PDB file of N, CA and C in Angstrom:
ATOM      1  N   MET A   1      -0.356 -13.317 -11.135  1.00  0.00           N
ATOM      2  CA  MET A   1       0.005 -13.727  -9.518  1.00  0.00           C
ATOM      3  C   MET A   1       0.861 -12.345  -8.956  1.00  0.00           C
ATOM      4  N   ALA A   2       1.466 -11.667  -9.872  1.00  0.00           N
ATOM      5  CA  ALA A   2       1.801 -10.063  -9.101  1.00  0.00           C
ATOM      6  C   ALA A   2       1.627  -9.345  -8.521  1.00  0.00           C
ATOM      7  N   GLU A   3       0.111  -9.105  -9.190  1.00  0.00           N
ATOM      8  CA  GLU A   3      -0.830  -7.941  -8.152  1.00  0.00           C
ATOM      9  C   GLU A   3      -1.244  -8.452  -7.416  1.00  0.00           C
ATOM     10  N   TYR A   4      -1.513 -10.134  -7.215  1.00  0.00           N
ATOM     11  CA  TYR A   4      -1.432 -11.140  -5.531  1.00  0.00           C
ATOM     12  C   TYR A   4      -0.637 -10.620  -4.590  1.00  0.00           C
ATOM     13  N   TRP A   5       0.354 -10.696  -4.998  1.00  0.00           N
ATOM     14  CA  TRP A   5       1.342 -10.586  -4.139  1.00  0.00           C
ATOM     15  C   TRP A   5       1.665  -9.042  -3.650  1.00  0.00           C
ATOM     16  N   LYS A   6       1.286  -7.641  -4.590  1.00  0.00           N
ATOM     17  CA  LYS A   6       1.280  -6.705  -4.451  1.00  0.00           C
ATOM     18  C   LYS A   6       0.105  -6.733  -3.348  1.00  0.00           C
ATOM     19  N   GLU A   7      -0.916  -6.439  -3.406  1.00  0.00           N
ATOM     20  CA  GLU A   7      -1.647  -7.184  -2.494  1.00  0.00           C
ATOM     21  C   GLU A   7      -2.216  -7.383  -1.584  1.00  0.00           C
ATOM     22  N   ASN A   8      -1.405  -8.330  -1.437  1.00  0.00           N
ATOM     23  CA  ASN A   8      -1.402  -9.139   0.252  1.00  0.00           C
ATOM     24  C   ASN A   8       0.003  -9.464   0.783  1.00  0.00           C
ATOM     25  N   TYR A   9       1.275  -8.915   0.203  1.00  0.00           N
ATOM     26  CA  TYR A   9       2.302  -8.900   0.715  1.00  0.00           C
ATOM     27  C   TYR A   9       3.262  -7.994   0.766  1.00  0.00           C
ATOM     28  N   ASP A  10       2.784  -6.839  -0.190  1.00  0.00           N
ATOM     29  CA  ASP A  10       3.558  -5.854  -0.710  1.00  0.00           C
ATOM     30  C   ASP A  10       3.768  -4.460   0.828  1.00  0.00           C
ATOM     31  N   LEU A  11       4.676  -4.718   1.638  1.00  0.00           N
ATOM     32  CA  LEU A  11       4.693  -3.878   2.849  1.00  0.00           C
ATOM     33  C   LEU A  11       4.831  -2.304   2.348  1.00  0.00           C
ATOM     34  N   ARG A  12       5.295  -1.704   1.004  1.00  0.00           N
ATOM     35  CA  ARG A  12       5.539  -0.573   0.199  1.00  0.00           C
ATOM     36  C   ARG A  12       3.910  -0.147   0.272  1.00  0.00           C
ATOM     37  N   HIS A  13       3.499  -1.052  -0.456  1.00  0.00           N
ATOM     38  CA  HIS A  13       1.759  -0.376  -1.172  1.00  0.00           C
ATOM     39  C   HIS A  13       1.414  -0.535  -0.151  1.00  0.00           C
ATOM     40  N   TYR A  14       1.408  -1.540   0.822  1.00  0.00           N
ATOM     41  CA  TYR A  14       0.008  -1.098   1.565  1.00  0.00           C
ATOM     42  C   TYR A  14       0.516  -0.142   2.791  1.00  0.00           C
ATOM     43  N   LEU A  15       1.619   0.305   2.731  1.00  0.00           N
ATOM     44  CA  LEU A  15       2.042   1.570   3.651  1.00  0.00           C
ATOM     45  C   LEU A  15       1.569   3.033   2.800  1.00  0.00           C
ATOM     46  N   GLU A  16       2.197   2.669   1.642  1.00  0.00           N
ATOM     47  CA  GLU A  16       1.098   3.858   0.769  1.00  0.00           C
ATOM     48  C   GLU A  16      -0.576   4.003   0.097  1.00  0.00           C
ATOM     49  N   THR A  17      -0.632   2.410   0.456  1.00  0.00           N
ATOM     50  CA  THR A  17      -2.483   2.704   0.294  1.00  0.00           C
ATOM     51  C   THR A  17      -3.032   3.402   1.664  1.00  0.00           C
ATOM     52  N   ASN A  18      -2.594   3.578   2.654  1.00  0.00           N
ATOM     53  CA  ASN A  18      -2.898   3.400   3.814  1.00  0.00           C
ATOM     54  C   ASN A  18      -2.152   4.283   4.835  1.00  0.00           C
ATOM     55  N   TRP A  19      -1.419   4.906   4.206  1.00  0.00           N
ATOM     56  CA  TRP A  19      -0.577   6.010   5.164  1.00  0.00           C
ATOM     57  C   TRP A  19      -1.349   7.348   6.317  1.00  0.00           C
ATOM     58  N   SER A  20      -2.570   7.453   5.421  1.00  0.00           N
ATOM     59  CA  SER A  20      -3.401   8.869   5.619  1.00  0.00           C
ATOM     60  C   SER A  20      -3.991   7.914   7.393  1.00  0.00           C
ATOM     61  N   GLN A  21      -4.372   6.863   7.538  1.00  0.00           N
ATOM     62  CA  GLN A  21      -5.388   6.082   8.451  1.00  0.00           C
ATOM     63  C   GLN A  21      -4.419   5.693   9.388  1.00  0.00           C
ATOM     64  N   ILE A  22      -3.167   5.228   9.119  1.00  0.00           N
ATOM     65  CA  ILE A  22      -1.868   4.655  10.063  1.00  0.00           C
ATOM     66  C   ILE A  22      -0.866   5.276  10.176  1.00  0.00           C
ATOM     67  N   GLY A  23      -0.422   6.609   9.312  1.00  0.00           N
ATOM     68  CA  GLY A  23       0.937   7.043   9.393  1.00  0.00           C
ATOM     69  C   GLY A  23       0.736   7.644  11.183  1.00  0.00           C
ATOM     70  N   GLN A  24      -0.073   7.541  11.391  1.00  0.00           N
ATOM     71  CA  GLN A  24      -0.146   8.452  13.079  1.00  0.00           C
ATOM     72  C   GLN A  24       0.598   7.520  13.587  1.00  0.00           C
ATOM     73  N   GLU A  25       0.195   6.354  13.669  1.00  0.00           N
ATOM     74  CA  GLU A  25       0.483   4.947  14.687  1.00  0.00           C
ATOM     75  C   GLU A  25       1.702   4.854  14.711  1.00  0.00           C
ATOM     76  N   LEU A  26       2.606   4.772  13.650  1.00  0.00           N
ATOM     77  CA  LEU A  26       3.722   3.928  13.081  1.00  0.00           C
ATOM     78  C   LEU A  26       5.059   5.366  12.924  1.00  0.00           C
ATOM     79  N   LYS A  27       4.056   6.701  13.428  1.00  0.00           N
ATOM     80  CA  LYS A  27       5.289   7.753  13.098  1.00  0.00           C
ATOM     81  C   LYS A  27       6.753   7.219  14.693  1.00  0.00           C
ATOM     82  N   GLY A  28       7.670   7.388  13.824  1.00  0.00           N
ATOM     83  CA  GLY A  28       9.274   7.030  15.229  1.00  0.00           C
ATOM     84  C   GLY A  28       9.022   5.335  15.036  1.00  0.00           C
ATOM     85  N   LYS A  29       8.058   4.437  14.466  1.00  0.00           N
ATOM     86  CA  LYS A  29       8.334   3.343  15.134  1.00  0.00           C
ATOM     87  C   LYS A  29       9.047   1.973  14.172  1.00  0.00           C
ATOM     88  N   LEU A  30       9.332   3.350  12.440  1.00  0.00           N
ATOM     89  CA  LEU A  30       9.442   1.998  11.720  1.00  0.00           C
ATOM     90  C   LEU A  30      11.157   1.936  11.695  1.00  0.00           C
ATOM     91  N   HIS A  31      12.112   1.038  11.971  1.00  0.00           N
ATOM     92  CA  HIS A  31      13.382   1.298  11.521  1.00  0.00           C
ATOM     93  C   HIS A  31      13.827  -0.169  11.074  1.00  0.00           C
ATOM     94  N   ILE A  32      14.432   0.479  10.053  1.00  0.00           N
ATOM     95  CA  ILE A  32      14.368  -0.825   9.035  1.00  0.00           C
ATOM     96  C   ILE A  32      16.477  -0.866   8.637  1.00  0.00           C
ATOM     97  N   TYR A  33      16.735  -2.299   8.743  1.00  0.00           N
ATOM     98  CA  TYR A  33      18.256  -1.913   8.502  1.00  0.00           C
ATOM     99  C   TYR A  33      17.945  -3.156   7.097  1.00  0.00           C
ATOM    100  N   THR A  34      18.986  -2.748   6.265  1.00  0.00           N
ATOM    101  CA  THR A  34      19.205  -4.037   5.544  1.00  0.00           C
ATOM    102  C   THR A  34      20.633  -3.731   4.841  1.00  0.00           C
ATOM    103  N   GLY A  35      21.641  -5.116   4.442  1.00  0.00           N
ATOM    104  CA  GLY A  35      22.998  -4.609   3.841  1.00  0.00           C
ATOM    105  C   GLY A  35      22.718  -4.023   1.944  1.00  0.00           C
ATOM    106  N   ASP A  36      23.365  -3.307   1.638  1.00  0.00           N
ATOM    107  CA  ASP A  36      23.081  -2.653   0.178  1.00  0.00           C
ATOM    108  C   ASP A  36      23.622  -3.890  -0.819  1.00  0.00           C
ATOM    109  N   MET A  37      24.340  -4.906  -0.367  1.00  0.00           N
ATOM    110  CA  MET A  37      24.202  -6.284  -0.947  1.00  0.00           C
ATOM    111  C   MET A  37      24.046  -7.630  -1.040  1.00  0.00           C
ATOM    112  N   ASP A  38      22.482  -7.227  -0.878  1.00  0.00           N
ATOM    113  CA  ASP A  38      21.610  -8.520  -0.229  1.00  0.00           C
ATOM    114  C   ASP A  38      21.626  -9.567  -0.826  1.00  0.00           C
ATOM    115  N   THR A  39      21.751 -11.007  -0.972  1.00  0.00           N
ATOM    116  CA  THR A  39      22.087 -11.970  -1.102  1.00  0.00           C
ATOM    117  C   THR A  39      20.962 -12.688  -1.409  1.00  0.00           C
ATOM    118  N   HIS A  40      19.127 -11.876  -1.203  1.00  0.00           N
ATOM    119  CA  HIS A  40      18.969 -12.380  -2.412  1.00  0.00           C
ATOM    120  C   HIS A  40      18.251 -11.052  -3.390  1.00  0.00           C
ATOM    121  N   TYR A  41      18.694  -9.968  -3.599  1.00  0.00           N
ATOM    122  CA  TYR A  41      18.490  -8.829  -4.189  1.00  0.00           C
ATOM    123  C   TYR A  41      17.164  -7.972  -3.411  1.00  0.00           C
ATOM    124  N   LEU A  42      16.916  -8.402  -2.352  1.00  0.00           N
ATOM    125  CA  LEU A  42      15.915  -7.289  -2.020  1.00  0.00           C
ATOM    126  C   LEU A  42      16.249  -5.959  -1.403  1.00  0.00           C
ATOM    127  N   ASN A  43      17.395  -5.395  -1.793  1.00  0.00           N
ATOM    128  CA  ASN A  43      17.881  -4.202  -1.608  1.00  0.00           C
ATOM    129  C   ASN A  43      16.844  -3.169  -1.800  1.00  0.00           C
ATOM    130  N   PRO A  44      16.728  -3.508  -3.676  1.00  0.00           N
ATOM    131  CA  PRO A  44      16.229  -2.254  -4.156  1.00  0.00           C
ATOM    132  C   PRO A  44      14.698  -2.300  -3.703  1.00  0.00           C
ATOM    133  N   ALA A  45      13.623  -3.162  -2.885  1.00  0.00           N
ATOM    134  CA  ALA A  45      13.074  -2.817  -2.793  1.00  0.00           C
ATOM    135  C   ALA A  45      12.650  -2.455  -1.460  1.00  0.00           C
ATOM    136  N   VAL A  46      13.865  -2.698  -0.417  1.00  0.00           N
ATOM    137  CA  VAL A  46      14.011  -1.494   0.431  1.00  0.00           C
ATOM    138  C   VAL A  46      14.175  -0.243   0.650  1.00  0.00           C
ATOM    139  N   GLU A  47      15.136   0.173  -1.194  1.00  0.00           N
ATOM    140  CA  GLU A  47      15.521   1.450  -1.054  1.00  0.00           C
ATOM    141  C   GLU A  47      13.956   2.567  -2.075  1.00  0.00           C
ATOM    142  N   LEU A  48      13.312   1.423  -2.470  1.00  0.00           N
ATOM    143  CA  LEU A  48      11.559   2.343  -2.955  1.00  0.00           C
ATOM    144  C   LEU A  48      10.979   1.809  -1.937  1.00  0.00           C
ATOM    145  N   LEU A  49      10.684   1.343  -1.057  1.00  0.00           N
ATOM    146  CA  LEU A  49      10.197   1.655   0.645  1.00  0.00           C
ATOM    147  C   LEU A  49      10.334   3.025   1.561  1.00  0.00           C
ATOM    148  N   GLY A  50      12.385   3.066   1.512  1.00  0.00           N
ATOM    149  CA  GLY A  50      13.202   4.312   2.256  1.00  0.00           C
ATOM    150  C   GLY A  50      12.246   5.536   1.651  1.00  0.00           C
ATOM    151  N   ASP A  51      12.553   5.134  -0.166  1.00  0.00           N
ATOM    152  CA  ASP A  51      12.375   6.947  -0.501  1.00  0.00           C
ATOM    153  C   ASP A  51      10.734   6.768  -0.562  1.00  0.00           C
ATOM    154  N   PHE A  52       9.917   6.526  -0.183  1.00  0.00           N
ATOM    155  CA  PHE A  52       8.528   6.199   0.184  1.00  0.00           C
ATOM    156  C   PHE A  52       8.200   7.331   1.577  1.00  0.00           C
ATOM    157  N   LEU A  53       8.849   6.418   2.648  1.00  0.00           N
ATOM    158  CA  LEU A  53       8.791   7.141   3.956  1.00  0.00           C
ATOM    159  C   LEU A  53       9.848   8.336   3.743  1.00  0.00           C
ATOM    160  N   GLU A  54      10.704   8.303   3.313  1.00  0.00           N
ATOM    161  CA  GLU A  54      11.168   9.724   3.080  1.00  0.00           C
ATOM    162  C   GLU A  54      10.238  10.862   2.589  1.00  0.00           C
ATOM    163  N   SER A  55       9.149  10.583   1.631  1.00  0.00           N
ATOM    164  CA  SER A  55       7.490  11.326   1.309  1.00  0.00           C
ATOM    165  C   SER A  55       7.122  11.680   1.814  1.00  0.00           C
ATOM    166  N   THR A  56       7.024  10.995   2.472  1.00  0.00           N
ATOM    167  CA  THR A  56       5.559  11.152   3.902  1.00  0.00           C
ATOM    168  C   THR A  56       5.876  12.298   4.312  1.00  0.00           C
ATOM    169  N   THR A  57       4.536  13.355   4.847  1.00  0.00           N
ATOM    170  CA  THR A  57       5.310  14.564   5.102  1.00  0.00           C
ATOM    171  C   THR A  57       3.727  14.520   6.461  1.00  0.00           C
ATOM    172  N   ASP A  58       2.427  13.781   6.116  1.00  0.00           N
ATOM    173  CA  ASP A  58       1.250  14.291   7.145  1.00  0.00           C
ATOM    174  C   ASP A  58       0.693  12.763   7.591  1.00  0.00           C
ATOM    175  N   PRO A  59       1.459  11.876   8.221  1.00  0.00           N
ATOM    176  CA  PRO A  59       3.009  12.681   8.917  1.00  0.00           C
ATOM    177  C   PRO A  59       3.972  12.008   8.681  1.00  0.00           C
ATOM    178  N   TYR A  60       5.409  12.869   9.011  1.00  0.00           N
ATOM    179  CA  TYR A  60       6.592  12.304   8.226  1.00  0.00           C
ATOM    180  C   TYR A  60       6.837  11.150   9.221  1.00  0.00           C
ATOM    181  N   TYR A  61       7.408  10.012   8.561  1.00  0.00           N
ATOM    182  CA  TYR A  61       7.476   8.457   9.543  1.00  0.00           C
ATOM    183  C   TYR A  61       8.234   8.737  10.533  1.00  0.00           C
ATOM    184  N   ASP A  62      10.015   9.540  10.867  1.00  0.00           N
ATOM    185  CA  ASP A  62      10.437   9.785  11.520  1.00  0.00           C
ATOM    186  C   ASP A  62      11.250   8.449  12.222  1.00  0.00           C
ATOM    187  N   GLY A  63      11.536   7.615  11.066  1.00  0.00           N
ATOM    188  CA  GLY A  63      11.824   6.732  11.906  1.00  0.00           C
ATOM    189  C   GLY A  63      13.492   6.532  11.227  1.00  0.00           C
ATOM    190  N   THR A  64      13.404   5.043  10.989  1.00  0.00           N
ATOM    191  CA  THR A  64      15.363   4.711  10.207  1.00  0.00           C
ATOM    192  C   THR A  64      15.077   3.895   9.247  1.00  0.00           C
ATOM    193  N   VAL A  65      16.170   4.049   7.908  1.00  0.00           N
ATOM    194  CA  VAL A  65      15.891   3.433   6.776  1.00  0.00           C
ATOM    195  C   VAL A  65      17.591   3.494   7.280  1.00  0.00           C
ATOM    196  N   GLU A  66      18.165   2.512   7.119  1.00  0.00           N
ATOM    197  CA  GLU A  66      20.300   2.499   6.796  1.00  0.00           C
ATOM    198  C   GLU A  66      20.417   1.185   5.916  1.00  0.00           C
ATOM    199  N   TYR A  67      21.240   1.682   5.780  1.00  0.00           N
ATOM    200  CA  TYR A  67      22.244  -0.072   4.766  1.00  0.00           C
ATOM    201  C   TYR A  67      23.214   0.499   4.713  1.00  0.00           C
ATOM    202  N   GLY A  68      23.842  -1.342   5.033  1.00  0.00           N
ATOM    203  CA  GLY A  68      25.171  -1.219   5.527  1.00  0.00           C
ATOM    204  C   GLY A  68      26.035  -1.657   3.446  1.00  0.00           C
ATOM    205  N   ASP A  69      27.050  -0.425   4.104  1.00  0.00           N
ATOM    206  CA  ASP A  69      27.600  -0.665   2.779  1.00  0.00           C
ATOM    207  C   ASP A  69      28.207  -1.809   2.525  1.00  0.00           C
ATOM    208  N   GLY A  70      28.285  -2.440   0.894  1.00  0.00           N
ATOM    209  CA  GLY A  70      28.735  -3.566   0.685  1.00  0.00           C
ATOM    210  C   GLY A  70      27.840  -4.887   1.818  1.00  0.00           C
ATOM    211  N   GLU A  71      27.443  -4.943   2.134  1.00  0.00           N
ATOM    212  CA  GLU A  71      27.051  -5.843   3.724  1.00  0.00           C
ATOM    213  C   GLU A  71      25.523  -6.477   2.804  1.00  0.00           C
ATOM    214  N   PRO A  72      25.601  -8.074   3.000  1.00  0.00           N
ATOM    215  CA  PRO A  72      24.619  -8.955   3.161  1.00  0.00           C
ATOM    216  C   PRO A  72      22.848  -8.250   3.426  1.00  0.00           C
ATOM    217  N   HIS A  73      22.386  -9.021   3.416  1.00  0.00           N
ATOM    218  CA  HIS A  73      20.899  -9.011   4.296  1.00  0.00           C
ATOM    219  C   HIS A  73      20.547  -8.888   5.490  1.00  0.00           C
ATOM    220  N   CYS A  74      21.102  -9.379   6.121  1.00  0.00           N
ATOM    221  CA  CYS A  74      20.768 -10.052   7.405  1.00  0.00           C
ATOM    222  C   CYS A  74      21.858  -8.897   8.043  1.00  0.00           C
ATOM    223  N   TRP A  75      22.484  -7.474   7.553  1.00  0.00           N
ATOM    224  CA  TRP A  75      23.400  -6.649   8.438  1.00  0.00           C
ATOM    225  C   TRP A  75      22.269  -5.857   8.893  1.00  0.00           C
ATOM    226  N   GLY A  76      22.730  -4.910  10.467  1.00  0.00           N
ATOM    227  CA  GLY A  76      21.794  -4.184  11.171  1.00  0.00           C
ATOM    228  C   GLY A  76      22.782  -4.473  12.154  1.00  0.00           C
ATOM    229  N   PRO A  77      22.235  -3.400  13.659  1.00  0.00           N
ATOM    230  CA  PRO A  77      22.893  -3.198  14.819  1.00  0.00           C
ATOM    231  C   PRO A  77      23.355  -5.020  15.246  1.00  0.00           C
ATOM    232  N   GLU A  78      24.253  -4.846  15.920  1.00  0.00           N
ATOM    233  CA  GLU A  78      24.367  -6.312  16.942  1.00  0.00           C
ATOM    234  C   GLU A  78      23.321  -5.620  17.725  1.00  0.00           C
ATOM    235  N   ARG A  79      23.546  -7.586  18.185  1.00  0.00           N
ATOM    236  CA  ARG A  79      22.413  -7.949  19.184  1.00  0.00           C
ATOM    237  C   ARG A  79      22.613  -6.954  19.997  1.00  0.00           C
ATOM    238  N   SER A  80      23.340  -6.807  20.768  1.00  0.00           N
ATOM    239  CA  SER A  80      23.030  -6.063  22.099  1.00  0.00           C
ATOM    240  C   SER A  80      22.340  -4.479  22.068  1.00  0.00           C
ATOM    241  N   GLU A  81      22.696  -3.656  20.553  1.00  0.00           N
ATOM    242  CA  GLU A  81      22.356  -2.849  20.222  1.00  0.00           C
ATOM    243  C   GLU A  81      20.964  -2.751  20.065  1.00  0.00           C
ATOM    244  N   LEU A  82      20.993  -4.200  18.968  1.00  0.00           N
ATOM    245  CA  LEU A  82      18.999  -3.958  18.915  1.00  0.00           C
ATOM    246  C   LEU A  82      18.469  -4.061  19.711  1.00  0.00           C
ATOM    247  N   ILE A  83      18.678  -4.799  20.530  1.00  0.00           N
ATOM    248  CA  ILE A  83      18.308  -5.202  22.421  1.00  0.00           C
ATOM    249  C   ILE A  83      17.473  -4.160  22.957  1.00  0.00           C
ATOM    250  N   ARG A  84      18.839  -2.909  22.752  1.00  0.00           N
ATOM    251  CA  ARG A  84      18.518  -1.650  23.186  1.00  0.00           C
ATOM    252  C   ARG A  84      17.549  -1.370  22.827  1.00  0.00           C
ATOM    253  N   LEU A  85      17.628  -0.862  21.345  1.00  0.00           N
ATOM    254  CA  LEU A  85      16.913   0.098  20.718  1.00  0.00           C
ATOM    255  C   LEU A  85      15.376  -0.382  21.092  1.00  0.00           C
ATOM    256  N   MET A  86      15.215  -1.558  21.050  1.00  0.00           N
ATOM    257  CA  MET A  86      14.151  -2.632  20.588  1.00  0.00           C
ATOM    258  C   MET A  86      13.056  -2.480  22.080  1.00  0.00           C
ATOM    259  N   ALA A  87      13.840  -2.285  23.541  1.00  0.00           N
ATOM    260  CA  ALA A  87      13.599  -1.765  24.693  1.00  0.00           C
ATOM    261  C   ALA A  87      13.338  -0.285  24.572  1.00  0.00           C
ATOM    262  N   GLN A  88      13.815   0.522  24.251  1.00  0.00           N
ATOM    263  CA  GLN A  88      13.775   1.832  24.117  1.00  0.00           C
ATOM    264  C   GLN A  88      12.265   2.252  23.194  1.00  0.00           C
ATOM    265  N   GLN A  89      12.225   1.468  22.172  1.00  0.00           N
ATOM    266  CA  GLN A  89      11.065   1.651  21.814  1.00  0.00           C
ATOM    267  C   GLN A  89       9.829   0.981  22.472  1.00  0.00           C
ATOM    268  N   VAL A  90       9.738   0.107  23.185  1.00  0.00           N
ATOM    269  CA  VAL A  90       8.442  -0.605  23.721  1.00  0.00           C
ATOM    270  C   VAL A  90       8.259   1.106  24.898  1.00  0.00           C
ATOM    271  N   LYS A  91       9.634   0.980  26.023  1.00  0.00           N
ATOM    272  CA  LYS A  91       9.372   1.738  26.773  1.00  0.00           C
ATOM    273  C   LYS A  91       8.615   3.587  26.357  1.00  0.00           C
ATOM    274  N   GLU A  92       9.226   3.574  25.277  1.00  0.00           N
ATOM    275  CA  GLU A  92       8.617   5.025  24.741  1.00  0.00           C
ATOM    276  C   GLU A  92       6.783   4.943  24.499  1.00  0.00           C
ATOM    277  N   ASN A  93       6.486   4.131  24.155  1.00  0.00           N
ATOM    278  CA  ASN A  93       5.095   3.430  23.420  1.00  0.00           C
ATOM    279  C   ASN A  93       4.521   2.397  24.397  1.00  0.00           C
ATOM    280  N   THR A  94       4.641   2.564  25.389  1.00  0.00           N
ATOM    281  CA  THR A  94       4.036   1.814  26.040  1.00  0.00           C
ATOM    282  C   THR A  94       2.498   2.829  26.601  1.00  0.00           C
ATOM    283  N   PRO A  95       1.559   2.685  26.604  1.00  0.00           N
ATOM    284  CA  PRO A  95       0.633   3.542  27.322  1.00  0.00           C
ATOM    285  C   PRO A  95       1.066   3.683  29.025  1.00  0.00           C
ATOM    286  N   GLU A  96      -0.030   4.663  28.869  1.00  0.00           N
ATOM    287  CA  GLU A  96       0.166   5.648  30.102  1.00  0.00           C
ATOM    288  C   GLU A  96      -0.578   4.649  31.516  1.00  0.00           C
ATOM    289  N   GLY A  97       0.020   4.353  32.208  1.00  0.00           N
ATOM    290  CA  GLY A  97      -0.859   3.641  33.244  1.00  0.00           C
ATOM    291  C   GLY A  97      -0.363   1.999  33.188  1.00  0.00           C
ATOM    292  N   THR A  98       0.437   1.646  31.963  1.00  0.00           N
ATOM    293  CA  THR A  98       0.342   0.068  31.920  1.00  0.00           C
ATOM    294  C   THR A  98       1.663  -0.286  33.219  1.00  0.00           C
ATOM    295  N   ASP A  99       0.971  -1.509  33.881  1.00  0.00           N
ATOM    296  CA  ASP A  99       2.146  -2.201  34.965  1.00  0.00           C
ATOM    297  C   ASP A  99       3.691  -2.488  34.243  1.00  0.00           C
ATOM    298  N   THR A 100       4.336  -1.937  34.263  1.00  0.00           N
ATOM    299  CA  THR A 100       5.673  -2.236  34.105  1.00  0.00           C
ATOM    300  C   THR A 100       6.890  -2.925  35.085  1.00  0.00           C
ATOM    301  N   SER A 101       5.916  -3.480  36.273  1.00  0.00           N
ATOM    302  CA  SER A 101       6.852  -2.997  37.720  1.00  0.00           C
ATOM    303  C   SER A 101       7.611  -4.969  37.152  1.00  0.00           C
ATOM    304  N   GLY A 102       7.165  -5.866  36.155  1.00  0.00           N
ATOM    305  CA  GLY A 102       7.984  -6.234  36.041  1.00  0.00           C
ATOM    306  C   GLY A 102       9.387  -6.995  34.865  1.00  0.00           C
ATOM    307  N   TRP A 103       8.793  -5.657  34.425  1.00  0.00           N
ATOM    308  CA  TRP A 103       9.646  -5.495  33.396  1.00  0.00           C
ATOM    309  C   TRP A 103      10.883  -5.587  33.294  1.00  0.00           C
ATOM    310  N   ASN A 104      12.497  -6.088  32.761  1.00  0.00           N
ATOM    311  CA  ASN A 104      13.781  -6.360  33.682  1.00  0.00           C
ATOM    312  C   ASN A 104      15.174  -4.987  33.136  1.00  0.00           C
ATOM    313  N   PHE A 105      14.536  -3.994  32.131  1.00  0.00           N
ATOM    314  CA  PHE A 105      14.968  -3.507  31.046  1.00  0.00           C
ATOM    315  C   PHE A 105      14.716  -2.321  31.573  1.00  0.00           C
TER     316      PHE A 105
END
């Protein structure tokens, strides 16, 4: 069962296995936030993911992994800041020539 979950649901495993094919597309697009006192004890898995991302070199992931000191699993930027960060990512990664005239950000 553990192997099934690893092969089908483990994001770190998927990224490690496929980084040479997908890393360039994800460069600068992965931004992960969690508290270091996660209510469901998921922060150790995030730490392993962060360790992998920091080890990437071709390409380097160039993103964010942040831990809230003493915070639970829903920790991260305030909603308004998170929306601003998401809008920035959309703007930076929108293909050239895309009609953005109806966008309100």
